[in-house]
C-alpha atoms as a PDB file:
ATOM      1  CA  MET A   1      59.248 116.678  65.495  1.00  0.00           C
ATOM      2  CA  LYS A   2      59.619 117.310  68.280  1.00  0.00           C
ATOM      3  CA  TRP A   3      61.590 120.388  68.536  1.00  0.00           C
ATOM      4  CA  GLN A   4      59.230 122.460  66.399  1.00  0.00           C
ATOM      5  CA  ALA A   5      56.657 121.427  68.934  1.00  0.00           C
ATOM      6  CA  LEU A   6      58.708 122.672  71.670  1.00  0.00           C
ATOM      7  CA  LYS A   7      59.669 125.686  69.545  1.00  0.00           C
ATOM      8  CA  SER A   8      56.000 126.535  69.601  1.00  0.00           C
ATOM      9  CA  ARG A   9      55.265 125.713  73.162  1.00  0.00           C
ATOM     10  CA  LEU A  10      58.209 127.944  73.844  1.00  0.00           C
ATOM     11  CA  ARG A  11      57.906 132.316  74.481  1.00  0.00           C
ATOM     12  CA  PRO A  12      60.342 134.465  72.777  1.00  0.00           C
ATOM     13  CA  GLY A  13      62.014 134.642  76.512  1.00  0.00           C
ATOM     14  CA  GLN A  14      62.190 131.512  77.523  1.00  0.00           C
ATOM     15  CA  GLY A  15      64.440 130.634  74.603  1.00  0.00           C
ATOM     16  CA  LEU A  16      66.146 132.948  75.163  1.00  0.00           C
ATOM     17  CA  VAL A  17      66.790 131.406  79.009  1.00  0.00           C
ATOM     18  CA  ILE A  18      67.155 127.672  77.195  1.00  0.00           C
ATOM     19  CA  ALA A  19      69.853 129.547  74.456  1.00  0.00           C
ATOM     20  CA  VAL A  20      72.724 130.752  76.629  1.00  0.00           C
ATOM     21  CA  PRO A  21      73.543 127.413  78.377  1.00  0.00           C
ATOM     22  CA  TYR A  22      73.589 126.323  75.289  1.00  0.00           C
ATOM     23  CA  LEU A  23      75.459 128.904  73.699  1.00  0.00           C
ATOM     24  CA  TRP A  24      78.106 128.280  76.892  1.00  0.00           C
ATOM     25  CA  LEU A  25      78.018 124.511  76.038  1.00  0.00           C
ATOM     26  CA  LEU A  26      79.705 125.125  72.378  1.00  0.00           C
ATOM     27  CA  VAL A  27      81.626 128.442  73.204  1.00  0.00           C
ATOM     28  CA  LEU A  28      83.745 125.872  75.951  1.00  0.00           C
ATOM     29  CA  PHE A  29      82.794 122.664  74.862  1.00  0.00           C
ATOM     30  CA  LEU A  30      81.765 121.501  71.802  1.00  0.00           C
ATOM     31  CA  ILE A  31      84.505 123.965  69.832  1.00  0.00           C
ATOM     32  CA  PRO A  32      87.527 123.055  72.006  1.00  0.00           C
ATOM     33  CA  PHE A  33      86.841 119.384  71.699  1.00  0.00           C
ATOM     34  CA  PHE A  34      86.314 120.207  68.049  1.00  0.00           C
ATOM     35  CA  PHE A  35      90.406 120.828  68.362  1.00  0.00           C
ATOM     36  CA  VAL A  36      91.477 118.295  69.972  1.00  0.00           C
ATOM     37  CA  LEU A  37      89.906 116.483  68.286  1.00  0.00           C
ATOM     38  CA  LYS A  38      91.273 117.403  64.989  1.00  0.00           C
ATOM     39  CA  ILE A  39      95.119 117.067  66.658  1.00  0.00           C
ATOM     40  CA  SER A  40      94.459 113.711  68.168  1.00  0.00           C
ATOM     41  CA  LEU A  41      93.733 112.929  63.772  1.00  0.00           C
ATOM     42  CA  ALA A  42      97.812 113.774  63.141  1.00  0.00           C
ATOM     43  CA  GLU A  43     100.358 112.807  63.578  1.00  0.00           C
ATOM     44  CA  GLN A  44     103.931 113.258  66.103  1.00  0.00           C
ATOM     45  CA  ALA A  45     105.862 116.643  64.274  1.00  0.00           C
ATOM     46  CA  THR A  46     109.500 118.189  64.963  1.00  0.00           C
ATOM     47  CA  SER A  47     107.397 122.178  64.280  1.00  0.00           C
ATOM     48  CA  ILE A  48     105.644 124.477  65.195  1.00  0.00           C
ATOM     49  CA  PRO A  49     102.637 123.123  66.441  1.00  0.00           C
ATOM     50  CA  PRO A  50     104.548 119.788  67.086  1.00  0.00           C
ATOM     51  CA  TYR A  51     101.832 118.059  65.113  1.00  0.00           C
ATOM     52  CA  THR A  52     101.590 117.655  60.820  1.00  0.00           C
ATOM     53  CA  PRO A  53      98.490 119.269  58.719  1.00  0.00           C
ATOM     54  CA  LEU A  54      95.463 116.962  58.429  1.00  0.00           C
ATOM     55  CA  TYR A  55      95.138 118.286  55.013  1.00  0.00           C
ATOM     56  CA  THR A  56      98.078 120.293  52.187  1.00  0.00           C
ATOM     57  CA  VAL A  57      96.920 121.706  49.123  1.00  0.00           C
ATOM     58  CA  ASP A  58      98.985 120.772  46.212  1.00  0.00           C
ATOM     59  CA  GLU A  59      98.317 123.841  44.265  1.00  0.00           C
ATOM     60  CA  ALA A  60      99.363 121.550  40.279  1.00  0.00           C
ATOM     61  CA  ALA A  61      97.148 119.034  40.890  1.00  0.00           C
ATOM     62  CA  GLY A  62      94.730 121.096  42.294  1.00  0.00           C
ATOM     63  CA  ARG A  63      93.221 119.071  44.761  1.00  0.00           C
ATOM     64  CA  VAL A  64      93.433 119.225  48.351  1.00  0.00           C
ATOM     65  CA  ASN A  65      95.862 116.103  50.054  1.00  0.00           C
ATOM     66  CA  ILE A  66      93.986 114.713  53.625  1.00  0.00           C
ATOM     67  CA  SER A  67      96.284 112.651  56.404  1.00  0.00           C
ATOM     68  CA  LEU A  68      94.342 111.709  58.621  1.00  0.00           C
ATOM     69  CA  SER A  69      96.101 109.097  60.805  1.00  0.00           C
ATOM     70  CA  TYR A  70      95.229 107.076  63.345  1.00  0.00           C
ATOM     71  CA  LEU A  71      97.804 105.203  64.650  1.00  0.00           C
ATOM     72  CA  ASN A  72      97.743 107.423  68.081  1.00  0.00           C
ATOM     73  CA  TYR A  73      94.060 105.292  69.649  1.00  0.00           C
ATOM     74  CA  THR A  74      94.968 102.331  67.295  1.00  0.00           C
ATOM     75  CA  GLY A  75      98.573 102.772  70.591  1.00  0.00           C
ATOM     76  CA  ILE A  76      96.100 103.402  73.264  1.00  0.00           C
ATOM     77  CA  PHE A  77      93.295 100.576  72.722  1.00  0.00           C
ATOM     78  CA  ASP A  78      95.552  97.975  71.368  1.00  0.00           C
ATOM     79  CA  ASN A  79      95.060  94.409  73.254  1.00  0.00           C
ATOM     80  CA  PHE A  80      92.603  96.224  74.804  1.00  0.00           C
ATOM     81  CA  TRP A  81      90.281  93.146  75.863  1.00  0.00           C
ATOM     82  CA  SER A  82      93.094  90.757  77.102  1.00  0.00           C
ATOM     83  CA  SER A  83      94.734  94.521  79.392  1.00  0.00           C
ATOM     84  CA  LEU A  84      91.129  95.428  80.364  1.00  0.00           C
ATOM     85  CA  TRP A  85      90.792  91.864  82.062  1.00  0.00           C
ATOM     86  CA  LEU A  86      94.809  91.992  83.330  1.00  0.00           C
ATOM     87  CA  GLY A  87      93.084  95.745  85.167  1.00  0.00           C
ATOM     88  CA  LEU A  88      89.838  94.191  86.384  1.00  0.00           C
ATOM     89  CA  ASN A  89      91.505  90.883  88.107  1.00  0.00           C
ATOM     90  CA  PRO A  90      93.327  92.324  90.884  1.00  0.00           C
ATOM     91  CA  PHE A  91      95.309  88.656  91.281  1.00  0.00           C
ATOM     92  CA  ALA A  92      96.459  89.027  87.463  1.00  0.00           C
ATOM     93  CA  ASP A  93     100.628  90.372  86.647  1.00  0.00           C
ATOM     94  CA  LYS A  94      99.399  93.771  84.511  1.00  0.00           C
ATOM     95  CA  SER A  95     103.664  94.022  83.704  1.00  0.00           C
ATOM     96  CA  GLY A  96     101.944  92.549  80.282  1.00  0.00           C
ATOM     97  CA  SER A  97      98.978  95.348  79.945  1.00  0.00           C
ATOM     98  CA  ASN A  98      98.969  98.153  78.413  1.00  0.00           C
ATOM     99  CA  LEU A  99      99.765 101.144  79.831  1.00  0.00           C
ATOM    100  CA  TYR A 100      96.637 103.470  78.395  1.00  0.00           C
ATOM    101  CA  VAL A 101      94.303 100.990  79.747  1.00  0.00           C
ATOM    102  CA  HIS A 102      95.447 100.813  83.005  1.00  0.00           C
ATOM    103  CA  ILE A 103      95.281 104.407  82.849  1.00  0.00           C
ATOM    104  CA  TYR A 104      92.220 105.080  82.432  1.00  0.00           C
ATOM    105  CA  LEU A 105      91.259 102.174  84.726  1.00  0.00           C
ATOM    106  CA  LEU A 106      93.797 102.568  87.278  1.00  0.00           C
ATOM    107  CA  SER A 107      91.417 106.685  87.164  1.00  0.00           C
ATOM    108  CA  ILE A 108      88.265 105.696  87.178  1.00  0.00           C
ATOM    109  CA  LYS A 109      88.969 103.277  89.947  1.00  0.00           C
ATOM    110  CA  THR A 110      89.658 106.027  92.313  1.00  0.00           C
ATOM    111  CA  ALA A 111      87.001 108.708  91.004  1.00  0.00           C
ATOM    112  CA  LEU A 112      84.348 105.615  92.289  1.00  0.00           C
ATOM    113  CA  THR A 113      86.420 104.360  95.387  1.00  0.00           C
ATOM    114  CA  THR A 114      85.859 108.929  95.693  1.00  0.00           C
ATOM    115  CA  THR A 115      82.800 109.006  94.917  1.00  0.00           C
ATOM    116  CA  LEU A 116      81.686 106.359  97.266  1.00  0.00           C
ATOM    117  CA  ILE A 117      83.508 107.705 100.059  1.00  0.00           C
ATOM    118  CA  CYS A 118      82.094 110.995  99.892  1.00  0.00           C
ATOM    119  CA  LEU A 119      78.381 108.997  99.250  1.00  0.00           C
ATOM    120  CA  LEU A 120      78.064 107.228 102.512  1.00  0.00           C
ATOM    121  CA  ALA A 121      80.065 109.987 104.748  1.00  0.00           C
ATOM    122  CA  GLY A 122      77.876 113.109 103.051  1.00  0.00           C
ATOM    123  CA  TYR A 123      74.939 111.857 103.574  1.00  0.00           C
ATOM    124  CA  PRO A 124      74.900 112.125 106.869  1.00  0.00           C
ATOM    125  CA  ILE A 125      76.237 115.125 107.194  1.00  0.00           C
ATOM    126  CA  ALA A 126      74.042 116.337 104.258  1.00  0.00           C
ATOM    127  CA  TYR A 127      71.240 114.962 107.052  1.00  0.00           C
ATOM    128  CA  ALA A 128      72.170 116.137 109.661  1.00  0.00           C
ATOM    129  CA  ILE A 129      72.566 120.034 108.876  1.00  0.00           C
ATOM    130  CA  SER A 130      68.818 120.094 107.060  1.00  0.00           C
ATOM    131  CA  ARG A 131      67.564 118.716 109.698  1.00  0.00           C
ATOM    132  CA  SER A 132      69.446 120.584 112.282  1.00  0.00           C
ATOM    133  CA  ARG A 133      67.489 124.343 113.455  1.00  0.00           C
ATOM    134  CA  GLU A 134      66.981 126.423 111.028  1.00  0.00           C
ATOM    135  CA  LYS A 135      69.031 129.411 113.007  1.00  0.00           C
ATOM    136  CA  TRP A 136      72.344 126.359 112.875  1.00  0.00           C
ATOM    137  CA  ARG A 137      71.936 126.013 109.199  1.00  0.00           C
ATOM    138  CA  ASN A 138      73.391 129.090 107.553  1.00  0.00           C
ATOM    139  CA  PRO A 139      76.686 128.506 109.832  1.00  0.00           C
ATOM    140  CA  LEU A 140      76.767 124.872 109.436  1.00  0.00           C
ATOM    141  CA  LEU A 141      76.482 125.369 105.701  1.00  0.00           C
ATOM    142  CA  LEU A 142      80.292 128.014 105.582  1.00  0.00           C
ATOM    143  CA  ALA A 143      81.712 125.512 107.778  1.00  0.00           C
ATOM    144  CA  ILE A 144      80.592 122.505 105.226  1.00  0.00           C
ATOM    145  CA  MET A 145      82.332 125.654 101.968  1.00  0.00           C
ATOM    146  CA  LEU A 146      84.830 127.052 103.672  1.00  0.00           C
ATOM    147  CA  PRO A 147      88.248 125.068 102.524  1.00  0.00           C
ATOM    148  CA  PHE A 148      86.808 126.930  99.265  1.00  0.00           C
ATOM    149  CA  TRP A 149      88.360 130.206 100.721  1.00  0.00           C
ATOM    150  CA  THR A 150      91.685 128.239 100.380  1.00  0.00           C
ATOM    151  CA  SER A 151      93.730 127.012  97.323  1.00  0.00           C
ATOM    152  CA  LEU A 152      93.389 123.552  97.186  1.00  0.00           C
ATOM    153  CA  LEU A 153      97.293 123.901  96.848  1.00  0.00           C
ATOM    154  CA  LEU A 154      97.264 124.651 100.100  1.00  0.00           C
ATOM    155  CA  ARG A 155      95.425 122.612 100.982  1.00  0.00           C
ATOM    156  CA  VAL A 156      97.626 119.391  99.798  1.00  0.00           C
ATOM    157  CA  TYR A 157     100.779 120.646 100.774  1.00  0.00           C
ATOM    158  CA  ALA A 158      99.058 120.788 104.248  1.00  0.00           C
ATOM    159  CA  TRP A 159      98.011 117.742 104.640  1.00  0.00           C
ATOM    160  CA  MET A 160     101.074 116.768 103.544  1.00  0.00           C
ATOM    161  CA  GLY A 161     102.823 117.770 106.118  1.00  0.00           C
ATOM    162  CA  LEU A 162      99.738 116.301 108.039  1.00  0.00           C
ATOM    163  CA  LEU A 163     100.913 112.455 107.038  1.00  0.00           C
ATOM    164  CA  SER A 164     104.778 112.343 106.141  1.00  0.00           C
ATOM    165  CA  GLN A 165     106.700 110.211 107.808  1.00  0.00           C
ATOM    166  CA  ASN A 166     107.916 113.444 109.322  1.00  0.00           C
ATOM    167  CA  GLY A 167     104.574 114.463 108.974  1.00  0.00           C
ATOM    168  CA  ILE A 168     102.531 116.092 112.305  1.00  0.00           C
ATOM    169  CA  ILE A 169     100.920 113.088 113.038  1.00  0.00           C
ATOM    170  CA  ASN A 170     103.614 110.396 113.221  1.00  0.00           C
ATOM    171  CA  GLY A 171     104.752 113.680 115.363  1.00  0.00           C
ATOM    172  CA  LEU A 172     101.880 113.222 117.518  1.00  0.00           C
ATOM    173  CA  LEU A 173     101.610 109.415 117.946  1.00  0.00           C
ATOM    174  CA  MET A 174     105.256 108.699 118.183  1.00  0.00           C
ATOM    175  CA  ARG A 175     105.419 111.419 121.351  1.00  0.00           C
ATOM    176  CA  TRP A 176     102.905 109.214 122.892  1.00  0.00           C
ATOM    177  CA  GLY A 177     103.818 106.633 122.544  1.00  0.00           C
ATOM    178  CA  TRP A 178     102.049 104.553 120.650  1.00  0.00           C
ATOM    179  CA  ILE A 179     104.104 103.591 117.884  1.00  0.00           C
ATOM    180  CA  ASP A 180     107.827 103.001 117.531  1.00  0.00           C
ATOM    181  CA  GLN A 181     108.534 103.318 113.681  1.00  0.00           C
ATOM    182  CA  PRO A 182     106.406 106.001 111.817  1.00  0.00           C
ATOM    183  CA  LEU A 183     103.070 104.989 109.735  1.00  0.00           C
ATOM    184  CA  ASP A 184     103.630 104.441 106.163  1.00  0.00           C
ATOM    185  CA  MET A 185     100.810 107.424 104.964  1.00  0.00           C
ATOM    186  CA  PHE A 186     101.842 109.337 102.386  1.00  0.00           C
ATOM    187  CA  TYR A 187     102.640 108.821  98.458  1.00  0.00           C
ATOM    188  CA  ASN A 188     100.249 105.774  98.236  1.00  0.00           C
ATOM    189  CA  ALA A 189      96.646 104.468  97.980  1.00  0.00           C
ATOM    190  CA  PHE A 190      95.842 105.960 101.645  1.00  0.00           C
ATOM    191  CA  SER A 191      97.292 109.326 101.486  1.00  0.00           C
ATOM    192  CA  LEU A 192      95.887 109.400  97.689  1.00  0.00           C
ATOM    193  CA  ASN A 193      92.378 108.732  99.231  1.00  0.00           C
ATOM    194  CA  ILE A 194      91.755 111.008 101.944  1.00  0.00           C
ATOM    195  CA  VAL A 195      92.839 113.344 100.591  1.00  0.00           C
ATOM    196  CA  MET A 196      90.411 113.665  96.760  1.00  0.00           C
ATOM    197  CA  VAL A 197      87.186 112.105  99.981  1.00  0.00           C
ATOM    198  CA  TYR A 198      88.707 115.565 101.833  1.00  0.00           C
ATOM    199  CA  THR A 199      88.197 117.784  98.661  1.00  0.00           C
ATOM    200  CA  TYR A 200      85.322 116.289  97.408  1.00  0.00           C
ATOM    201  CA  LEU A 201      83.457 115.776  99.772  1.00  0.00           C
ATOM    202  CA  PRO A 202      81.031 119.562  99.454  1.00  0.00           C
ATOM    203  CA  PHE A 203      80.659 119.023  95.805  1.00  0.00           C
ATOM    204  CA  MET A 204      78.399 116.254  97.514  1.00  0.00           C
ATOM    205  CA  VAL A 205      77.158 116.806 100.674  1.00  0.00           C
ATOM    206  CA  LEU A 206      75.968 120.770  99.474  1.00  0.00           C
ATOM    207  CA  PRO A 207      73.274 118.651  96.374  1.00  0.00           C
ATOM    208  CA  LEU A 208      72.695 115.992  98.766  1.00  0.00           C
ATOM    209  CA  TYR A 209      71.513 119.113 101.566  1.00  0.00           C
ATOM    210  CA  THR A 210      69.036 120.962  99.217  1.00  0.00           C
ATOM    211  CA  GLN A 211      67.242 117.926  97.613  1.00  0.00           C
ATOM    212  CA  LEU A 212      67.139 116.789 101.542  1.00  0.00           C
ATOM    213  CA  LEU A 213      65.710 119.911 103.155  1.00  0.00           C
ATOM    214  CA  LYS A 214      62.747 119.767 100.258  1.00  0.00           C
ATOM    215  CA  LEU A 215      61.052 116.538 101.702  1.00  0.00           C
ATOM    216  CA  ASP A 216      57.885 116.893 103.804  1.00  0.00           C
ATOM    217  CA  ASN A 217      57.802 116.440 106.914  1.00  0.00           C
ATOM    218  CA  ARG A 218      54.554 115.379 106.630  1.00  0.00           C
ATOM    219  CA  LEU A 219      55.321 111.890 104.234  1.00  0.00           C
ATOM    220  CA  LEU A 220      57.898 110.906 107.492  1.00  0.00           C
ATOM    221  CA  GLU A 221      54.905 111.614 110.343  1.00  0.00           C
ATOM    222  CA  ALA A 222      52.436 109.493 107.967  1.00  0.00           C
ATOM    223  CA  SER A 223      54.892 106.693 108.082  1.00  0.00           C
ATOM    224  CA  ALA A 224      55.244 106.459 111.517  1.00  0.00           C
ATOM    225  CA  ASP A 225      51.313 106.444 112.139  1.00  0.00           C
ATOM    226  CA  LEU A 226      50.999 103.427 109.521  1.00  0.00           C
ATOM    227  CA  GLY A 227      53.977 101.636 112.226  1.00  0.00           C
ATOM    228  CA  ALA A 228      57.124 101.247 110.187  1.00  0.00           C
ATOM    229  CA  GLY A 229      60.405 102.634 112.001  1.00  0.00           C
ATOM    230  CA  PRO A 230      62.882 104.984 111.419  1.00  0.00           C
ATOM    231  CA  VAL A 231      65.181 102.385 109.792  1.00  0.00           C
ATOM    232  CA  LYS A 232      62.505 101.320 107.210  1.00  0.00           C
ATOM    233  CA  SER A 233      61.304 105.510 106.939  1.00  0.00           C
ATOM    234  CA  PHE A 234      64.504 105.995 105.631  1.00  0.00           C
ATOM    235  CA  PHE A 235      65.055 103.369 103.074  1.00  0.00           C
ATOM    236  CA  SER A 236      61.298 103.867 101.977  1.00  0.00           C
ATOM    237  CA  ILE A 237      60.582 107.365 101.843  1.00  0.00           C
ATOM    238  CA  THR A 238      64.259 109.718 102.440  1.00  0.00           C
ATOM    239  CA  LEU A 239      66.727 107.680 100.816  1.00  0.00           C
ATOM    240  CA  PRO A 240      64.339 107.544  97.445  1.00  0.00           C
ATOM    241  CA  LEU A 241      62.778 111.111  97.264  1.00  0.00           C
ATOM    242  CA  SER A 242      66.821 112.412  97.676  1.00  0.00           C
ATOM    243  CA  LYS A 243      67.511 110.277  94.372  1.00  0.00           C
ATOM    244  CA  SER A 244      68.526 113.155  92.888  1.00  0.00           C
ATOM    245  CA  GLY A 245      70.491 114.730  95.633  1.00  0.00           C
ATOM    246  CA  ILE A 246      72.710 111.590  95.099  1.00  0.00           C
ATOM    247  CA  ILE A 247      73.090 111.541  91.564  1.00  0.00           C
ATOM    248  CA  ALA A 248      73.728 114.771  90.949  1.00  0.00           C
ATOM    249  CA  GLY A 249      76.580 114.476  93.659  1.00  0.00           C
ATOM    250  CA  SER A 250      78.091 111.858  92.355  1.00  0.00           C
ATOM    251  CA  MET A 251      78.228 113.186  88.713  1.00  0.00           C
ATOM    252  CA  LEU A 252      79.435 116.437  90.494  1.00  0.00           C
ATOM    253  CA  VAL A 253      82.820 113.924  92.477  1.00  0.00           C
ATOM    254  CA  PHE A 254      83.281 111.000  89.926  1.00  0.00           C
ATOM    255  CA  ILE A 255      84.046 113.644  86.631  1.00  0.00           C
ATOM    256  CA  PRO A 256      86.830 115.795  88.280  1.00  0.00           C
ATOM    257  CA  ALA A 257      87.685 113.254  90.321  1.00  0.00           C
ATOM    258  CA  VAL A 258      88.764 110.746  87.159  1.00  0.00           C
ATOM    259  CA  GLY A 259      91.017 113.956  85.436  1.00  0.00           C
ATOM    260  CA  GLU A 260      92.052 114.470  88.812  1.00  0.00           C
ATOM    261  CA  PHE A 261      95.587 115.608  88.090  1.00  0.00           C
ATOM    262  CA  VAL A 262      97.562 118.307  91.492  1.00  0.00           C
ATOM    263  CA  ILE A 263      96.105 115.804  94.245  1.00  0.00           C
ATOM    264  CA  PRO A 264      97.524 112.408  92.916  1.00  0.00           C
ATOM    265  CA  ASP A 265     100.777 114.328  91.978  1.00  0.00           C
ATOM    266  CA  LEU A 266     101.834 115.230  94.420  1.00  0.00           C
ATOM    267  CA  VAL A 267     100.230 112.695  97.249  1.00  0.00           C
ATOM    268  CA  GLY A 268      98.964 109.418  95.343  1.00  0.00           C
ATOM    269  CA  GLY A 269     102.687 108.586  93.982  1.00  0.00           C
ATOM    270  CA  PRO A 270     104.700 106.756  91.149  1.00  0.00           C
ATOM    271  CA  GLU A 271     102.535 104.182  91.120  1.00  0.00           C
ATOM    272  CA  HIS A 272      99.233 106.053  90.742  1.00  0.00           C
ATOM    273  CA  LEU A 273      99.618 107.769  87.287  1.00  0.00           C
ATOM    274  CA  MET A 274      95.785 109.016  86.246  1.00  0.00           C
ATOM    275  CA  ILE A 275      94.294 110.488  83.545  1.00  0.00           C
ATOM    276  CA  GLY A 276      95.580 113.687  84.888  1.00  0.00           C
ATOM    277  CA  LYS A 277      98.836 113.206  84.948  1.00  0.00           C
ATOM    278  CA  ALA A 278      99.761 111.105  81.828  1.00  0.00           C
ATOM    279  CA  LEU A 279      97.944 113.893  79.578  1.00  0.00           C
ATOM    280  CA  TRP A 280     101.079 116.985  81.381  1.00  0.00           C
ATOM    281  CA  GLN A 281     102.952 114.144  80.835  1.00  0.00           C
ATOM    282  CA  ALA A 282     102.764 113.711  77.116  1.00  0.00           C
ATOM    283  CA  PHE A 283     101.791 117.267  76.865  1.00  0.00           C
ATOM    284  CA  PHE A 284     105.268 118.944  77.923  1.00  0.00           C
ATOM    285  CA  THR A 285     107.549 116.348  79.266  1.00  0.00           C
ATOM    286  CA  GLN A 286     107.311 114.157  75.726  1.00  0.00           C
ATOM    287  CA  ASN A 287     105.698 117.257  73.531  1.00  0.00           C
ATOM    288  CA  ASP A 288     103.680 114.625  71.606  1.00  0.00           C
ATOM    289  CA  TRP A 289     100.027 116.425  71.278  1.00  0.00           C
ATOM    290  CA  PRO A 290      97.941 114.208  68.935  1.00  0.00           C
ATOM    291  CA  LEU A 291      99.091 111.318  71.759  1.00  0.00           C
ATOM    292  CA  ALA A 292      97.674 113.808  74.798  1.00  0.00           C
ATOM    293  CA  SER A 293      94.665 114.407  72.472  1.00  0.00           C
ATOM    294  CA  ALA A 294      93.326 111.134  71.436  1.00  0.00           C
ATOM    295  CA  MET A 295      93.465 110.003  75.139  1.00  0.00           C
ATOM    296  CA  ALA A 296      91.550 113.368  76.398  1.00  0.00           C
ATOM    297  CA  VAL A 297      89.006 112.538  73.431  1.00  0.00           C
ATOM    298  CA  VAL A 298      88.611 108.797  74.727  1.00  0.00           C
ATOM    299  CA  MET A 299      88.586 110.515  78.417  1.00  0.00           C
ATOM    300  CA  VAL A 300      85.886 112.646  77.302  1.00  0.00           C
ATOM    301  CA  LEU A 301      83.553 109.703  75.650  1.00  0.00           C
ATOM    302  CA  LEU A 302      84.378 107.535  78.326  1.00  0.00           C
ATOM    303  CA  LEU A 303      82.758 110.081  80.693  1.00  0.00           C
ATOM    304  CA  VAL A 304      79.909 112.211  78.386  1.00  0.00           C
ATOM    305  CA  VAL A 305      78.312 108.629  76.647  1.00  0.00           C
ATOM    306  CA  PRO A 306      77.095 106.819  80.033  1.00  0.00           C
ATOM    307  CA  ILE A 307      75.675 109.957  81.631  1.00  0.00           C
ATOM    308  CA  GLY A 308      74.642 110.542  77.948  1.00  0.00           C
ATOM    309  CA  LEU A 309      72.747 107.081  77.959  1.00  0.00           C
ATOM    310  CA  PHE A 310      72.174 106.811  81.924  1.00  0.00           C
ATOM    311  CA  HIS A 311      70.320 111.218  81.369  1.00  0.00           C
ATOM    312  CA  ARG A 312      68.463 109.046  78.127  1.00  0.00           C
ATOM    313  CA  HIS A 313      66.686 106.581  80.688  1.00  0.00           C
ATOM    314  CA  GLU A 314      65.643 108.907  82.699  1.00  0.00           C
ATOM    315  CA  THR A 315      63.967 111.442  80.421  1.00  0.00           C
ATOM    316  CA  LYS A 316      62.580 108.044  79.394  1.00  0.00           C
ATOM    317  CA  GLN A 317      61.607 106.463  82.282  1.00  0.00           C
ATOM    318  CA  LEU A 318      60.034 110.748  83.951  1.00  0.00           C
ATOM    319  CA  GLU A 319      58.234 110.652  80.149  1.00  0.00           C
ATOM    320  CA  GLY A 320      56.711 107.154  81.176  1.00  0.00           C
ATOM    321  CA  ALA A 321      55.739 108.193  84.644  1.00  0.00           C
ATOM    322  CA  ARG A 322      53.367 111.209  83.694  1.00  0.00           C
ATOM    323  CA  ARG A 323      52.016 109.262  80.579  1.00  0.00           C
ATOM    324  CA  GLY A 324      51.177 106.196  82.863  1.00  0.00           C
END
């Protein structure tokens, strides 16, 4: 009924505009996801492709034999609750936890940390750019986007040269006499977080800037006339009105950060095995396509389901506000 009502209100041109992104989503997400889901229900085999078929045709009996395997998902969710508790408890011994649960928790933790730091650092930057003079906005935005002009791999290698024990930072600190031994800043959580934040910070700044630029300054003037100070005006007007930019920026940072492969592999160290590296090892080192596909399906569900529920909640709130 809702689709019929929406269809009756749309003009032919509007329907075409709406159909294009859905077609794009179908071709580039749903169809590949279907093939990944299909492979995840197979078993590893020494063949090309390296997995068993999901069905075989028995011509003699005139029937189709379907063979679905859930062993890959069973291994991922084995001892799930106990492993989840061990992963969330910072003081617990994690030697007996499920490796895959540990990988997912570490990936989500790293992505959340990256998102939070990008928000705390990116909001003042976006606010300052949106409140700067109009002639300076474009140059400042260009400075934010300049890193995209260089390959991500080159930028990560540059950070490796900066943070390593024989790198530029340690060399300068030792030359100036500030330290006697090189600081351990590379191949650990510090280097992982700093390079992740550096990489994804522009994805947070740009949506925030777009939202803050649309802020009506008359609201702030009215707040000041009513006796509110800058801090109260910020928390009562600016921050709530920039909610859409915060949500958009957080999603743009969190979603790709969960599956990041290059940065954890080059600067994170072996103790920071994230889902991107685990997928690469399963596909290319172990040649276990079904297991890698199952890991990818679980990762997609971990991202899509909460985002879908949040979007539904936001839609209901907007509909309720319009009715009210």
